[in-house]
Every structure is written in structure tokens, then in C-alpha cells.
Amino acid sequence: MTSALRFPFQPGRVDTAVRLKSLYIDPFLLLICLTLIGIGFVMVASSSLHLGKEYAGNILMFPKRQLMNIVLGLITASVVINLPMKFWEQTSAWLFIFGIALLVIVLIPGVGVNVNNSVRWLSLFGMRFQVSELVKFFTVIYMAGYLMRHIEDLQQSAYGIVKPLLLLSIACVLLLQQPDFGASVVIMVIAMGMMFLGGAQIKQFLILIASVAAMAALLISSSTYRASRVISFLDPWADAKDGGFQLTQALISFGRGDVFGVGLGNGLQKWFYVPEAHTDFLFSVMAEELGLISVLTVIFLYALFFRRSFQIGEQAAELGFQFNAYVAYGIAIWMGFQSFVNMGVNMGVLPTKGITLPFMSYGGSSMLVMCIAIAVLFRINSENQAYLNANAARAG
């Protein structure tokens, strides 16, 4: 028994190098993304005004930077959307190797930027860029290319499952040196999710999941820092002033927000109570100020994004664009899992982990890469529509 997605066409039945006369921008998907970005910007502004005053004497420092991040991301997306999917397919393996090279470079003493005892950033033109964000995107592209080239091996042997993980494990080891356990988990989930959809045998896939889970448990138990996070997650109130401080303050935010919130800008927890309030714990600030209504709205928006991404992937599969389909599925898995983890951490249902909320959390690297990924998703949809329109024109 396998989990394979069935493609109605064999590779080569359609011309995968689709030429577009014009781009088709899905208004529904665009509205979802812009709404999430808009809500995120408002909450970044609300949660960071006091931080800007504290750090630079300018209350608008973080909102201005986030606006620049959004503009840069949208400009980059407008360029990326013009790249044909054939480009990504042909460069998939090389892009991931490039990502590994960046992970090596960031660990070179004096090259990588150290922030809070973590070396995750490169400084480019005076701006810091988090390499792991780009590696997540490259993982989606690489796995889609691998599935295209080795789908039979994946479906028929355990080696087909293990083979791509050997290269991915190199990236994960480098990420753990930064250290960035969260990014390692996201990369492995993307890879395993895409292999499952590609047709990995259920028995072998379950063995793989058990092996990865055992390895993750070993990594957690071998690190006092990671183990303390898990312990404090199980009972944050037992150590509310130390290990459980971040989570208990986030939970207080949800409690204070009730159904309709205390009002935009009126939250108290962001005032140096909830650490990283404008980044990893932005969701809890929103819950306090805008209440349960906003929480359910954002969850609903992410669910719509996940569903629409899969619909685009399914349409690509039906048209015979296997690589495009896998990329769309990979983006859906990536965004869906990362948003689930971030919101789960904020609500206390998952151990505390530093993973941003897609489209919403403050950060230039995350926003830029998310916009690139969405541009690729729009490109896939455009190629789907171009092929359908060309067929309709020939039929007419």
C-alpha cells in the first residue's frame, strides 16, 4: 500500500516549458496572503513601538523596517514570478547544494553574525539575512526534483526514501551547529511530507517517522537547553519566573484577550513581559489585543491558504505537470506546518520553539523567502491556466 498521488499523464506527455502570454494572479490566494501580511504588519507595529523607543529612541523603527521588508519581498516576488517552472526543475539539486554552502559559510568565524549566542545570519549590504529560511525553500524545490527523477525508487524501495535524507541530514547537522533545531525539524517535515505524497510505502514511511522521532528525542535529551524547554512546557507554572516564563506570559495574553480583546494597542503583555513579542510570539499579542475572534480568523486564513495551495497542486497533477504539483504541495506543507507550530507554541500545546509565523512575524529573511515561495505558487497556477486556455483555444 502506498500514498502515491496518481498522475493521469506520463512524464513527457505535456510540454512542461509553458510559455505565458500573461500572468494569472489568483485573486482568492492573493487576498489571503495580503490579509495575513496586513494583519501581521498592524500587530508588529502595535507590539514593537515601545521596543523602538527603548533601543533607538524611535517608536517607528520596527514598523518602518517591516514595511521595507514587505516592499522588498513584493518586489522580489514580482521578479521571481516571471521565472518558468522549468528553471526551478533544472536547477533544483544545485540550489540545495548552494544552500548547504551558505550554511557552511555562516559558521565560518568572523563571517556569520552572532545574535543571542546563535550564528544564523549573514550580513549583506548592511542587512542581516537568515540562511535557514532560504534553505527551507530550496528543500521544497530539491525534493520536487528528486521525486520527478526517482519516483519509482521511492515507491519500490527503502533506499529511495533514505537517499534524499542523506543530503538533507548534512543541512540539518549544519543547522544544529548554529544552533537552529526548529529549522531542522521544518526541513525534515517538508521532505517526509512530500515523500509521503509521492508514494512512499506506508510501512517504510512509518519506520522512517519512528527513526526521525527517536533521533529528535535523542537531540533533545542531549541538550540541557532543549530538555528544559520540554520540561517547562509540560508544567510552565511550576517555574513561571524562569524556564516557563515565556509560555506563562503568552498564556496570560490569551486569557486577558477573552473573545473580543482589550483593544488594539492596549495590550500589557508586550511591555517586556512576553519575550520576542513582535517575532515568535506575535500571535499571543494579537490574541490579547484582538481576542479569540482574531485568533480564529487567522487560523481560518491559514487553512484557506493550505487548501488553495493543494488545489493548485492537484490541478497541476491532473495536467501532467508533476514537478509543479510537488512544489505546490511542498509549499503547502511548509507554510501549514510552520504556522501550526508557531500558533501551537503560543497557545501552549507545543514546546517553545523559535519559529516565525509566516507572513506575519517581524523579520526580513522570513518575509522575503515567503514572498518568493508565493510567487512560485502563483507561477504554477499561471502555467496551469495557460495550458488550459491553450487547450480551450485549440478545441474551439
Protein backbone atom coordinates (compact mmCIF):
# COMPACT_ATOMS: atom_id res chain seq x y z
CA MET A 1 0.00 0.00 0.00
CA THR A 2 1.34 3.45 -0.92
CA SER A 3 0.27 7.03 -0.54
CA ALA A 4 1.00 7.92 -4.16
CA LEU A 5 -0.81 10.76 -5.82
CA ARG A 6 -1.99 9.44 -9.17
CA PHE A 7 -0.99 11.43 -12.23
CA PRO A 8 -3.21 10.89 -15.30
CA PHE A 9 -0.35 11.60 -17.71
CA GLN A 10 3.06 10.03 -18.05
CA PRO A 11 6.13 12.30 -17.96
CA GLY A 12 6.68 13.85 -21.35
CA ARG A 13 3.03 13.85 -22.40
CA VAL A 14 2.85 17.63 -21.95
CA ASP A 15 5.31 20.41 -22.62
CA THR A 16 6.46 21.46 -19.14
CA ALA A 17 8.08 24.64 -20.50
CA VAL A 18 4.84 26.57 -20.69
CA ARG A 19 5.06 29.99 -22.35
CA LEU A 20 2.81 32.56 -20.78
CA LYS A 21 1.29 35.41 -22.74
CA SER A 22 0.24 36.94 -19.44
CA LEU A 23 0.36 36.04 -15.77
CA TYR A 24 -2.77 34.88 -13.99
CA ILE A 25 -2.92 36.16 -10.43
CA ASP A 26 -5.38 34.12 -8.40
CA PRO A 27 -7.43 36.84 -6.63
CA PHE A 28 -8.52 34.49 -3.84
CA LEU A 29 -4.98 33.41 -2.96
CA LEU A 30 -3.72 36.99 -3.32
CA LEU A 31 -6.38 38.23 -0.91
CA ILE A 32 -5.43 35.58 1.67
CA CYS A 33 -1.73 36.46 1.52
CA LEU A 34 -2.24 40.22 1.60
CA THR A 35 -4.69 39.93 4.50
CA LEU A 36 -2.18 37.91 6.54
CA ILE A 37 0.60 40.36 5.69
CA GLY A 38 -1.65 43.30 6.58
CA ILE A 39 -2.72 41.84 9.93
CA GLY A 40 0.89 40.96 10.66
CA PHE A 41 2.10 44.49 9.91
CA VAL A 42 -0.51 46.04 12.19
CA MET A 43 0.42 43.67 15.02
CA VAL A 44 4.17 44.17 14.50
CA ALA A 45 3.58 47.91 14.82
CA SER A 46 1.44 47.51 17.93
CA SER A 47 3.87 45.12 19.64
CA SER A 48 7.10 46.98 18.88
CA LEU A 49 6.53 50.72 19.41
CA HIS A 50 7.96 50.59 22.92
CA LEU A 51 10.91 48.48 21.71
CA GLY A 52 11.82 51.06 19.09
CA LYS A 53 11.75 53.74 21.79
CA GLU A 54 13.90 51.60 24.08
CA TYR A 55 16.51 50.55 21.52
CA ALA A 56 16.79 53.54 19.19
CA GLY A 57 14.65 56.34 20.57
CA ASN A 58 12.31 55.93 17.58
CA ILE A 59 8.93 54.30 18.15
CA LEU A 60 8.51 53.69 14.40
CA MET A 61 11.81 51.83 13.94
CA PHE A 62 10.34 48.32 13.70
CA PRO A 63 7.18 49.25 11.71
CA LYS A 64 9.33 51.10 9.16
CA ARG A 65 11.69 48.15 8.86
CA GLN A 66 8.83 45.71 8.47
CA LEU A 67 7.26 47.88 5.79
CA MET A 68 10.60 47.84 3.97
CA ASN A 69 10.70 44.05 4.36
CA ILE A 70 7.24 43.75 2.82
CA VAL A 71 8.06 46.09 -0.09
CA LEU A 72 11.34 44.26 -0.78
CA GLY A 73 9.54 40.92 -0.62
CA LEU A 74 6.84 42.03 -3.06
CA ILE A 75 9.40 43.50 -5.48
CA THR A 76 11.40 40.28 -5.40
CA ALA A 77 8.21 38.26 -5.90
CA SER A 78 7.36 40.33 -8.99
CA VAL A 79 10.69 39.24 -10.48
CA VAL A 80 10.53 35.59 -9.40
CA ILE A 81 7.03 35.07 -10.77
CA ASN A 82 8.42 35.58 -14.28
CA LEU A 83 10.79 32.60 -13.96
CA PRO A 84 9.33 29.50 -15.66
CA MET A 85 8.96 26.39 -13.52
CA LYS A 86 11.34 24.67 -15.91
CA PHE A 87 14.11 26.85 -14.44
CA TRP A 88 13.45 25.59 -10.92
CA GLU A 89 13.25 21.99 -12.13
CA GLN A 90 16.58 22.18 -13.93
CA THR A 91 18.40 23.86 -11.03
CA SER A 92 16.73 22.03 -8.11
CA ALA A 93 19.75 19.98 -7.00
CA TRP A 94 22.23 22.84 -7.49
CA LEU A 95 20.08 25.22 -5.48
CA PHE A 96 20.10 22.90 -2.49
CA ILE A 97 23.87 22.44 -2.76
CA PHE A 98 24.14 26.24 -2.82
CA GLY A 99 22.01 26.32 0.34
CA ILE A 100 24.39 23.89 2.07
CA ALA A 101 27.32 26.06 1.01
CA LEU A 102 25.63 29.07 2.65
CA LEU A 103 25.13 27.04 5.85
CA VAL A 104 28.86 26.29 5.87
CA ILE A 105 29.79 29.92 5.21
CA VAL A 106 27.63 31.21 8.05
CA LEU A 107 29.58 29.02 10.51
CA ILE A 108 32.96 30.43 9.48
CA PRO A 109 34.29 32.52 12.41
CA GLY A 110 34.04 36.19 11.65
CA VAL A 111 31.62 35.70 8.75
CA GLY A 112 28.37 34.68 10.40
CA VAL A 113 26.57 37.19 12.63
CA ASN A 114 26.16 36.11 16.27
CA VAL A 115 22.88 37.11 17.90
CA ASN A 116 21.96 35.75 21.35
CA ASN A 117 24.63 33.03 21.10
CA SER A 118 23.25 31.80 17.77
CA VAL A 119 25.12 32.17 14.48
CA ARG A 120 22.34 32.05 11.87
CA TRP A 121 22.78 35.22 9.84
CA LEU A 122 24.94 36.61 7.07
CA SER A 123 25.39 40.35 6.71
CA LEU A 124 24.65 41.53 3.16
CA PHE A 125 24.87 45.22 2.27
CA GLY A 126 24.30 46.14 5.89
CA MET A 127 21.27 43.83 6.18
CA ARG A 128 21.17 40.54 8.06
CA PHE A 129 19.84 37.50 6.23
CA GLN A 130 18.92 34.22 7.94
CA VAL A 131 20.21 31.43 5.71
CA SER A 132 17.90 28.72 7.10
CA GLU A 133 14.85 30.49 5.64
CA LEU A 134 16.26 30.16 2.13
CA VAL A 135 17.25 26.54 2.76
CA LYS A 136 13.61 25.70 3.57
CA PHE A 137 12.59 26.97 0.14
CA PHE A 138 15.45 25.11 -1.55
CA THR A 139 14.31 21.93 0.25
CA VAL A 140 10.91 22.16 -1.44
CA ILE A 141 12.49 22.66 -4.86
CA TYR A 142 15.07 19.90 -4.34
CA MET A 143 12.53 17.34 -3.12
CA ALA A 144 10.21 18.10 -6.05
CA GLY A 145 13.11 17.49 -8.43
CA TYR A 146 14.10 14.30 -6.62
CA LEU A 147 10.57 12.94 -6.80
CA MET A 148 10.49 13.64 -10.53
CA ARG A 149 13.75 11.79 -11.13
CA HIS A 150 13.40 8.90 -8.69
CA ILE A 151 9.69 8.33 -8.15
CA GLU A 152 9.94 4.58 -8.92
CA ASP A 153 12.80 4.11 -6.44
CA LEU A 154 10.80 5.96 -3.79
CA GLN A 155 7.73 3.79 -4.29
CA GLN A 156 9.56 0.47 -4.52
CA SER A 157 12.49 0.53 -2.09
CA ALA A 158 13.57 1.86 1.27
CA TYR A 159 16.72 3.24 -0.34
CA GLY A 160 14.54 5.62 -2.39
CA ILE A 161 13.34 7.12 0.90
CA VAL A 162 16.71 7.24 2.62
CA LYS A 163 18.70 8.62 -0.33
CA PRO A 164 17.44 12.25 -0.26
CA LEU A 165 17.62 12.28 3.53
CA LEU A 166 21.37 11.75 3.38
CA LEU A 167 21.82 15.14 1.71
CA LEU A 168 19.18 16.74 3.92
CA SER A 169 20.90 15.38 7.02
CA ILE A 170 24.02 17.38 6.09
CA ALA A 171 21.93 20.54 6.11
CA CYS A 172 20.35 19.57 9.44
CA VAL A 173 23.74 18.92 11.07
CA LEU A 174 24.93 22.34 9.93
CA LEU A 175 21.74 23.94 11.22
CA LEU A 176 22.20 22.28 14.61
CA GLN A 177 25.65 23.85 14.82
CA GLN A 178 24.14 27.36 14.67
CA PRO A 179 22.07 26.11 16.63
CA ASP A 180 18.67 26.04 14.88
CA PHE A 181 16.74 22.92 15.85
CA GLY A 182 13.43 24.39 14.64
CA ALA A 183 14.60 24.87 11.06
CA SER A 184 15.94 21.30 11.04
CA VAL A 185 12.52 19.99 12.06
CA VAL A 186 10.76 22.06 9.38
CA ILE A 187 13.12 20.77 6.66
CA MET A 188 12.60 17.13 7.68
CA VAL A 189 8.81 17.55 7.83
CA ILE A 190 8.79 19.11 4.34
CA ALA A 191 10.85 16.23 2.96
CA MET A 192 8.85 13.47 4.65
CA GLY A 193 5.52 15.05 3.74
CA MET A 194 6.49 15.33 0.08
CA MET A 195 7.79 11.74 0.01
CA PHE A 196 4.53 10.54 1.54
CA LEU A 197 2.55 12.31 -1.17
CA GLY A 198 4.99 10.94 -3.75
CA GLY A 199 4.07 7.36 -2.89
CA ALA A 200 6.43 6.11 -0.19
CA GLN A 201 5.32 2.74 1.13
CA ILE A 202 3.38 3.14 4.36
CA LYS A 203 5.39 0.56 6.32
CA GLN A 204 8.72 2.06 5.33
CA PHE A 205 7.40 5.56 5.90
CA LEU A 206 6.27 4.71 9.44
CA ILE A 207 9.70 3.25 10.19
CA LEU A 208 11.25 6.48 8.91
CA ILE A 209 8.98 8.59 11.13
CA ALA A 210 9.87 6.47 14.16
CA SER A 211 13.58 6.80 13.38
CA VAL A 212 13.40 10.57 12.96
CA ALA A 213 11.33 10.90 16.15
CA ALA A 214 13.88 8.82 18.06
CA MET A 215 16.70 10.98 16.73
CA ALA A 216 14.84 14.15 17.68
CA ALA A 217 14.26 12.77 21.19
CA LEU A 218 17.98 12.00 21.47
CA LEU A 219 18.92 15.52 20.38
CA ILE A 220 16.50 17.00 22.92
CA SER A 221 17.70 14.83 25.79
CA SER A 222 21.36 15.51 24.97
CA SER A 223 20.88 19.27 25.27
CA THR A 224 20.13 20.80 28.65
CA TYR A 225 18.64 23.85 26.93
CA ARG A 226 16.23 21.85 24.74
CA ALA A 227 15.32 19.46 27.55
CA SER A 228 14.48 22.36 29.88
CA ARG A 229 12.13 23.76 27.24
CA VAL A 230 10.23 20.46 27.07
CA ILE A 231 10.08 20.16 30.84
CA SER A 232 8.86 23.73 31.27
CA PHE A 233 6.26 23.12 28.54
CA LEU A 234 4.78 20.20 30.49
CA ASP A 235 4.20 22.41 33.54
CA PRO A 236 5.13 26.04 32.81
CA TRP A 237 3.57 27.34 36.02
CA ALA A 238 5.97 25.26 38.13
CA ASP A 239 8.80 27.53 37.03
CA ALA A 240 6.87 30.59 35.88
CA LYS A 241 9.71 33.02 36.63
CA ASP A 242 12.41 31.17 34.72
CA GLY A 243 12.01 28.27 32.26
CA GLY A 244 8.25 28.66 31.95
CA PHE A 245 8.25 32.47 31.87
CA GLN A 246 7.77 32.89 28.11
CA LEU A 247 4.92 30.40 27.89
CA THR A 248 3.08 31.55 31.00
CA GLN A 249 3.16 35.16 29.81
CA ALA A 250 1.81 34.07 26.42
CA LEU A 251 -1.00 32.15 28.12
CA ILE A 252 -1.83 35.21 30.20
CA SER A 253 -2.15 37.13 26.93
CA PHE A 254 -4.74 34.66 25.65
CA GLY A 255 -6.60 34.81 28.95
CA ARG A 256 -6.72 38.61 29.00
CA GLY A 257 -7.89 38.76 25.38
CA ASP A 258 -11.07 36.79 26.01
CA VAL A 259 -13.41 36.91 22.97
CA PHE A 260 -13.00 40.45 21.62
CA GLY A 261 -9.67 41.51 23.12
CA VAL A 262 -8.62 44.52 25.18
CA GLY A 263 -8.30 46.72 22.09
CA LEU A 264 -5.57 47.32 19.53
CA GLY A 265 -2.56 48.89 21.23
CA ASN A 266 -3.94 48.32 24.72
CA GLY A 267 -2.16 45.04 25.47
CA LEU A 268 0.06 44.84 28.55
CA GLN A 269 1.96 41.61 27.96
CA LYS A 270 4.02 43.05 25.12
CA TRP A 271 5.57 45.53 27.58
CA PHE A 272 8.66 43.42 28.27
CA TYR A 273 6.63 40.50 29.62
CA VAL A 274 6.38 38.32 26.52
CA PRO A 275 9.88 37.94 25.02
CA GLU A 276 10.10 38.30 21.24
CA ALA A 277 6.56 39.74 21.18
CA HIS A 278 6.94 41.13 17.64
CA THR A 279 8.51 37.96 16.20
CA ASP A 280 7.87 34.44 17.52
CA PHE A 281 5.10 35.42 19.96
CA LEU A 282 3.22 37.92 17.81
CA PHE A 283 0.21 35.57 17.81
CA SER A 284 -0.21 35.90 21.59
CA VAL A 285 -0.10 39.70 21.40
CA MET A 286 -2.82 39.60 18.76
CA ALA A 287 -4.88 37.28 20.97
CA GLU A 288 -4.67 39.74 23.87
CA GLU A 289 -5.49 42.85 21.88
CA LEU A 290 -7.98 41.50 19.33
CA GLY A 291 -9.29 38.44 21.17
CA LEU A 292 -10.49 34.98 20.17
CA ILE A 293 -12.16 36.40 17.06
CA SER A 294 -8.78 37.36 15.60
CA VAL A 295 -7.25 34.01 16.55
CA LEU A 296 -9.97 32.06 14.74
CA THR A 297 -9.78 34.42 11.76
CA VAL A 298 -6.04 33.92 11.31
CA ILE A 299 -6.31 30.15 11.73
CA PHE A 300 -9.07 30.15 9.11
CA LEU A 301 -6.90 32.18 6.71
CA TYR A 302 -4.01 29.73 7.04
CA ALA A 303 -6.41 26.83 6.49
CA LEU A 304 -7.70 28.52 3.31
CA PHE A 305 -4.12 29.07 2.13
CA PHE A 306 -3.28 25.41 2.73
CA ARG A 307 -6.40 24.25 0.88
CA ARG A 308 -5.87 26.59 -2.09
CA SER A 309 -2.21 25.55 -2.43
CA PHE A 310 -3.23 21.90 -2.58
CA GLN A 311 -5.90 22.71 -5.16
CA ILE A 312 -3.28 24.35 -7.36
CA GLY A 313 -1.05 21.31 -6.91
CA GLU A 314 -3.87 18.90 -7.73
CA GLN A 315 -4.69 20.83 -10.90
CA ALA A 316 -1.03 20.73 -11.96
CA ALA A 317 -1.02 16.98 -11.34
CA GLU A 318 -4.12 16.47 -13.46
CA LEU A 319 -2.48 18.39 -16.30
CA GLY A 320 0.65 16.27 -16.07
CA PHE A 321 2.94 18.89 -14.51
CA GLN A 322 4.36 16.59 -11.85
CA PHE A 323 7.22 18.84 -10.74
CA ASN A 324 4.90 21.83 -10.40
CA ALA A 325 2.46 19.75 -8.39
CA TYR A 326 5.12 18.59 -5.95
CA VAL A 327 6.36 22.16 -5.45
CA ALA A 328 2.82 23.36 -4.67
CA TYR A 329 2.35 20.51 -2.19
CA GLY A 330 5.72 21.27 -0.62
CA ILE A 331 4.90 24.95 -0.14
CA ALA A 332 1.57 23.99 1.43
CA ILE A 333 3.26 21.55 3.84
CA TRP A 334 5.94 24.09 4.74
CA MET A 335 3.58 27.00 5.41
CA GLY A 336 0.97 24.80 7.06
CA PHE A 337 3.41 23.10 9.42
CA GLN A 338 5.31 26.25 10.34
CA SER A 339 2.14 28.21 11.10
CA PHE A 340 0.75 25.26 13.09
CA VAL A 341 3.92 25.04 15.21
CA ASN A 342 4.10 28.78 15.85
CA MET A 343 0.46 29.03 16.88
CA GLY A 344 0.74 25.81 18.89
CA VAL A 345 3.74 27.17 20.80
CA ASN A 346 1.92 30.44 21.51
CA MET A 347 -1.11 28.56 22.84
CA GLY A 348 0.95 26.17 24.95
CA VAL A 349 0.08 22.97 23.09
CA LEU A 350 3.65 22.54 21.75
CA PRO A 351 7.07 23.07 23.40
CA THR A 352 8.54 26.53 22.98
CA LYS A 353 10.49 26.82 19.72
CA GLY A 354 11.72 29.83 17.81
CA ILE A 355 9.77 29.51 14.56
CA THR A 356 8.23 32.55 12.89
CA LEU A 357 4.59 32.89 11.87
CA PRO A 358 4.55 33.01 8.03
CA PHE A 359 3.70 36.42 6.54
CA MET A 360 3.09 37.95 9.96
CA SER A 361 6.14 37.84 12.24
CA TYR A 362 8.73 40.60 12.09
CA GLY A 363 11.79 39.70 10.03
CA GLY A 364 13.23 40.47 6.62
CA SER A 365 14.55 36.99 5.81
CA SER A 366 11.27 35.27 6.53
CA MET A 367 9.17 37.82 4.64
CA LEU A 368 11.47 37.79 1.60
CA VAL A 369 11.54 33.99 1.30
CA MET A 370 7.80 33.65 1.93
CA CYS A 371 7.11 36.14 -0.88
CA ILE A 372 9.42 34.17 -3.20
CA ALA A 373 7.59 30.95 -2.37
CA ILE A 374 4.21 32.54 -3.03
CA ALA A 375 5.46 33.96 -6.33
CA VAL A 376 6.40 30.40 -7.36
CA LEU A 377 2.94 29.21 -6.34
CA PHE A 378 1.34 31.95 -8.46
CA ARG A 379 3.60 30.90 -11.35
CA ILE A 380 2.41 27.30 -11.06
CA ASN A 381 -1.19 28.47 -11.17
CA SER A 382 -0.43 30.71 -14.16
CA GLU A 383 1.09 27.81 -16.08
CA ASN A 384 -1.95 25.68 -15.24
CA GLN A 385 -4.28 28.34 -16.61
CA ALA A 386 -2.12 28.96 -19.69
CA TYR A 387 -2.23 25.27 -20.57
CA LEU A 388 -5.99 25.09 -20.03
CA ASN A 389 -6.57 28.21 -22.13
CA ALA A 390 -4.37 26.90 -24.93
CA ASN A 391 -6.31 23.63 -24.99
CA ALA A 392 -9.61 25.51 -24.96
CA ALA A 393 -8.45 27.68 -27.87
CA ARG A 394 -7.42 24.63 -29.90
CA ALA A 395 -10.71 22.90 -29.11
CA GLY A 396 -12.67 26.00 -30.16
